[in-house]
Amino acid sequence: MGAHVLVVEDEEKLARFVELELVHEGYEVTKVYDGREALDLAIQGDFDLILLDIMLPGLNGLEVLRRLQGSKPTPTILLTARDAVMDKVSGLDAGAVDYITKPFAIEELLARVRVALKLHGKEAGRGMAGGEQAEEDEYTWGVCKLSKKRHMVTYDGHEITLTNREFLMLETLLSNQDIVLSRDTLLEKVCGYDYIGETNVIDVYIRYLRSKIDDAYNVKMIQTVRGVGYVIKSEGEV
């Protein structure tokens, strides 16, 4: 089995559906419907990731998350029917690594699970899509190559000059090929959650990268997934 995921959701049919999909992807799953029970399980057990609904009986998800951060921090994705900005901000401030608003497409949830596990160095389920690696520190997409060791990006042998944050953004996308990364995930990876500034900074860096690679070489490397984020697909140039 792959990573062990704790699903905390009081809608039993939804919890069962999510469980079946995760198991199909190769994850080990424990599900629970109550906030207090979830907190006890999370503290006593050994979970790689928690999918945590905000509206729960017994103890709401945000309080569960806050208490976990003080005793046993575990990567957590919030599930919420609320679409208010403050709910999302509160969740991220409380320690969540990501959030997804219900109703959601299961493909999006699975992608966010893969990203969260990979970014936190956890074992994924079987069949996890990753970037093509020529060697430990190198990622490729067609004739575009990124070397972490040399801190260099080339396209068909021509060096591309990138700032540190542009380089980190490209590295994050290339190392997660076929995985749609949300703006919040990219913001955490590139700027850190303590970043204070414009929230559209990720879109700005994507625009810079596209001008230096996509536009310069007439390719469609970085793709936008409307309402979700960005992805580099592993099939390469089209």
Protein backbone atom coordinates (compact mmCIF):
# COMPACT_ATOMS: atom_id res chain seq x y z
CA MET A 1 0.00 0.00 0.00
CA GLY A 2 1.00 3.61 -0.46
CA ALA A 3 0.56 6.56 1.86
CA HIS A 4 -1.92 6.33 4.75
CA VAL A 5 -4.68 8.95 4.42
CA LEU A 6 -7.17 9.89 7.15
CA VAL A 7 -10.50 11.00 5.65
CA VAL A 8 -12.58 13.12 8.04
CA GLU A 9 -16.01 13.79 6.51
CA ASP A 10 -19.44 13.61 8.17
CA GLU A 11 -21.28 13.01 4.88
CA GLU A 12 -20.94 9.24 4.90
CA LYS A 13 -21.68 8.72 1.20
CA LEU A 14 -19.04 11.27 0.21
CA ALA A 15 -16.56 9.78 2.69
CA ARG A 16 -17.13 6.32 1.23
CA PHE A 17 -16.76 7.60 -2.34
CA VAL A 18 -13.48 9.35 -1.53
CA GLU A 19 -12.26 6.25 0.30
CA LEU A 20 -12.96 4.00 -2.70
CA GLU A 21 -11.18 6.35 -5.10
CA LEU A 22 -8.13 6.66 -2.85
CA VAL A 23 -7.92 2.90 -2.33
CA HIS A 24 -8.17 2.42 -6.10
CA GLU A 25 -5.15 4.73 -6.44
CA GLY A 26 -3.17 2.57 -4.01
CA TYR A 27 -3.54 4.52 -0.78
CA GLU A 28 -4.34 3.09 2.63
CA VAL A 29 -7.42 4.85 4.01
CA THR A 30 -9.00 5.33 7.42
CA LYS A 31 -12.23 7.33 7.56
CA VAL A 32 -14.06 8.95 10.45
CA TYR A 33 -17.14 11.17 10.69
CA ASP A 34 -16.60 13.12 13.93
CA GLY A 35 -14.12 15.89 14.78
CA ARG A 36 -13.17 14.70 18.25
CA GLU A 37 -12.63 11.13 17.10
CA ALA A 38 -10.58 12.46 14.19
CA LEU A 39 -8.33 14.42 16.54
CA ASP A 40 -7.74 11.37 18.74
CA LEU A 41 -6.99 9.16 15.73
CA ALA A 42 -4.66 11.71 14.16
CA ILE A 43 -2.67 12.08 17.38
CA GLN A 44 -2.49 8.34 18.15
CA GLY A 45 -2.08 7.08 14.59
CA ASP A 46 0.58 7.51 11.92
CA PHE A 47 -0.97 9.26 8.91
CA ASP A 48 0.83 10.76 5.93
CA LEU A 49 -2.05 13.06 4.99
CA ILE A 50 -5.42 14.18 6.35
CA LEU A 51 -8.44 15.17 4.26
CA LEU A 52 -10.42 17.25 6.73
CA ASP A 53 -13.92 18.68 6.35
CA ILE A 54 -14.46 22.00 8.13
CA MET A 55 -18.08 21.49 9.19
CA LEU A 56 -17.97 18.51 11.55
CA PRO A 57 -19.94 17.38 14.61
CA GLY A 58 -18.12 17.32 17.94
CA LEU A 59 -15.26 19.58 16.90
CA ASN A 60 -15.00 21.62 13.72
CA GLY A 61 -12.20 21.00 11.26
CA LEU A 62 -10.35 24.26 11.92
CA GLU A 63 -10.15 23.49 15.63
CA VAL A 64 -8.97 19.94 14.89
CA LEU A 65 -6.28 21.42 12.66
CA ARG A 66 -5.15 23.98 15.24
CA ARG A 67 -4.85 21.36 17.96
CA LEU A 68 -2.91 19.04 15.67
CA GLN A 69 -0.44 21.80 14.84
CA GLY A 70 0.31 22.11 18.54
CA SER A 71 0.81 18.39 19.13
CA LYS A 72 1.32 16.38 15.96
CA PRO A 73 1.46 18.40 12.71
CA THR A 74 0.33 16.35 9.70
CA PRO A 75 -0.10 17.62 6.11
CA THR A 76 -3.80 18.48 5.83
CA ILE A 77 -6.09 19.36 2.94
CA LEU A 78 -9.32 21.05 3.98
CA LEU A 79 -12.64 20.03 2.42
CA THR A 80 -15.27 22.73 2.66
CA ALA A 81 -18.60 23.68 1.16
CA ARG A 82 -17.80 27.30 1.92
CA ASP A 83 -16.25 29.46 -0.75
CA ALA A 84 -15.54 32.51 1.42
CA VAL A 85 -12.01 33.87 1.23
CA MET A 86 -11.75 34.17 5.02
CA ASP A 87 -12.50 30.46 5.50
CA LYS A 88 -9.65 29.60 3.15
CA VAL A 89 -7.31 32.08 4.80
CA SER A 90 -8.24 30.78 8.26
CA GLY A 91 -7.52 27.23 7.15
CA LEU A 92 -4.13 28.10 5.66
CA ASP A 93 -3.24 30.18 8.72
CA ALA A 94 -4.17 27.22 10.93
CA GLY A 95 -1.66 25.03 9.08
CA ALA A 96 -3.49 23.46 6.12
CA VAL A 97 -1.30 22.78 3.09
CA ASP A 98 -4.21 23.15 0.66
CA TYR A 99 -8.00 23.35 0.45
CA ILE A 100 -10.67 22.24 -1.99
CA THR A 101 -14.24 23.53 -2.18
CA LYS A 102 -17.17 21.12 -2.42
CA PRO A 103 -18.52 20.00 -4.76
CA PHE A 104 -15.23 18.99 -6.37
CA ALA A 105 -14.12 16.73 -9.19
CA ILE A 106 -12.45 13.59 -7.82
CA GLU A 107 -9.62 14.04 -10.33
CA GLU A 108 -8.82 17.42 -8.80
CA LEU A 109 -8.86 16.00 -5.28
CA LEU A 110 -6.55 13.14 -6.26
CA ALA A 111 -4.17 15.58 -7.93
CA ARG A 112 -4.03 17.74 -4.82
CA VAL A 113 -3.40 14.66 -2.69
CA ARG A 114 -0.47 13.66 -4.92
CA VAL A 115 0.98 17.16 -4.78
CA ALA A 116 0.65 17.45 -0.99
CA LEU A 117 2.31 14.07 -0.45
CA LYS A 118 5.12 14.78 -2.89
CA LEU A 119 5.86 18.23 -1.49
CA HIS A 120 6.09 16.77 2.01
CA GLY A 121 8.27 13.83 1.03
CA LYS A 122 5.62 11.19 1.62
CA GLU A 123 5.09 7.95 -0.29
CA ALA A 124 2.35 8.18 -2.88
CA GLY A 125 -0.07 5.59 -4.17
CA ARG A 126 0.77 3.37 -7.11
CA GLY A 127 0.83 4.99 -10.51
CA MET A 128 1.68 8.44 -9.22
CA ALA A 129 2.57 10.68 -12.11
CA GLY A 130 5.91 12.40 -11.70
CA GLY A 131 8.31 14.41 -13.78
CA GLU A 132 10.63 12.65 -16.17
CA GLN A 133 14.05 12.53 -14.53
CA ALA A 134 17.20 12.05 -16.56
CA GLU A 135 19.14 11.92 -13.31
CA GLU A 136 18.51 12.79 -9.70
CA ASP A 137 18.87 16.53 -10.13
CA GLU A 138 17.65 16.93 -13.72
CA TYR A 139 14.16 17.28 -15.18
CA THR A 140 13.32 17.33 -18.87
CA TRP A 141 10.42 18.24 -21.15
CA GLY A 142 11.17 17.62 -24.78
CA VAL A 143 14.41 19.51 -25.48
CA CYS A 144 13.99 21.69 -22.39
CA LYS A 145 16.27 20.65 -19.52
CA LEU A 146 16.57 21.89 -15.95
CA SER A 147 19.58 21.01 -13.81
CA LYS A 148 19.28 21.71 -10.09
CA LYS A 149 22.97 21.06 -9.46
CA ARG A 150 24.08 23.55 -12.11
CA HIS A 151 21.08 25.85 -11.53
CA MET A 152 20.65 26.03 -15.29
CA VAL A 153 17.79 25.76 -17.76
CA THR A 154 18.40 25.14 -21.46
CA TYR A 155 16.14 24.77 -24.48
CA ASP A 156 17.64 22.78 -27.32
CA GLY A 157 21.07 23.61 -25.91
CA HIS A 158 20.41 27.34 -25.54
CA GLU A 159 20.64 28.65 -21.97
CA ILE A 160 17.60 30.48 -20.60
CA THR A 161 18.26 33.12 -17.94
CA LEU A 162 15.79 32.85 -15.03
CA THR A 163 15.54 34.56 -11.67
CA ASN A 164 15.72 32.35 -8.58
CA ARG A 165 11.94 32.34 -8.16
CA GLU A 166 11.32 31.67 -11.85
CA PHE A 167 13.76 28.76 -11.63
CA LEU A 168 12.01 27.36 -8.54
CA MET A 169 8.61 27.75 -10.19
CA LEU A 170 9.77 25.86 -13.28
CA GLU A 171 11.45 23.18 -11.18
CA THR A 172 8.24 22.67 -9.18
CA LEU A 173 6.15 22.31 -12.34
CA LEU A 174 8.64 20.04 -14.11
CA SER A 175 9.05 17.77 -11.09
CA ASN A 176 5.26 17.34 -10.92
CA GLN A 177 4.46 16.76 -14.58
CA ASP A 178 0.81 15.76 -15.21
CA ILE A 179 -0.15 17.07 -11.74
CA VAL A 180 -2.19 20.25 -11.67
CA LEU A 181 -0.68 22.55 -9.04
CA SER A 182 -2.94 25.12 -7.40
CA ARG A 183 -1.78 28.72 -7.06
CA ASP A 184 -1.65 28.26 -3.27
CA THR A 185 0.58 25.20 -3.59
CA LEU A 186 2.89 27.08 -5.92
CA LEU A 187 2.86 30.10 -3.63
CA GLU A 188 3.94 27.94 -0.68
CA LYS A 189 6.71 26.29 -2.67
CA VAL A 190 8.05 29.41 -4.37
CA CYS A 191 7.41 32.14 -1.78
CA GLY A 192 6.50 30.34 1.46
CA TYR A 193 3.34 30.83 3.50
CA ASP A 194 4.90 33.79 5.29
CA TYR A 195 4.96 35.70 2.01
CA ILE A 196 3.26 39.07 2.26
CA GLY A 197 2.43 40.66 -1.07
CA GLU A 198 0.16 40.53 -4.08
CA THR A 199 -1.83 37.31 -4.33
CA ASN A 200 -1.44 37.23 -8.13
CA VAL A 201 2.34 36.83 -7.86
CA ILE A 202 2.10 33.25 -9.19
CA ASP A 203 0.33 34.42 -12.35
CA VAL A 204 3.07 37.02 -12.82
CA TYR A 205 5.85 34.41 -12.60
CA ILE A 206 3.96 32.11 -14.97
CA ARG A 207 3.72 34.99 -17.43
CA TYR A 208 7.47 35.60 -17.16
CA LEU A 209 8.24 31.91 -17.75
CA ARG A 210 5.92 31.77 -20.74
CA SER A 211 7.58 34.80 -22.28
CA LYS A 212 11.03 33.19 -21.90
CA ILE A 213 10.09 29.66 -23.02
CA ASP A 214 6.62 29.26 -24.56
CA ASP A 215 6.66 32.51 -26.56
CA ALA A 216 10.38 32.45 -27.32
CA TYR A 217 10.31 28.91 -28.74
CA ASN A 218 6.70 28.79 -29.97
CA VAL A 219 5.64 25.91 -27.71
CA LYS A 220 2.84 25.30 -25.18
CA MET A 221 4.77 24.08 -22.18
CA ILE A 222 2.88 25.58 -19.24
CA GLN A 223 -0.86 25.01 -19.42
CA THR A 224 -3.58 26.73 -17.43
CA VAL A 225 -6.32 24.62 -15.82
CA ARG A 226 -9.13 27.11 -15.33
CA GLY A 227 -10.18 27.54 -11.72
CA VAL A 228 -7.43 25.21 -10.45
CA GLY A 229 -3.89 26.22 -11.39
CA TYR A 230 -1.11 25.23 -13.77
CA VAL A 231 0.41 22.03 -15.18
CA ILE A 232 3.17 20.83 -17.48
CA LYS A 233 2.04 17.66 -19.24
CA SER A 234 4.63 14.95 -19.72
CA GLU A 235 3.83 14.18 -23.36
CA GLY A 236 6.08 17.06 -24.27
CA GLU A 237 5.74 19.43 -27.18
CA VAL A 238 2.71 19.41 -29.43
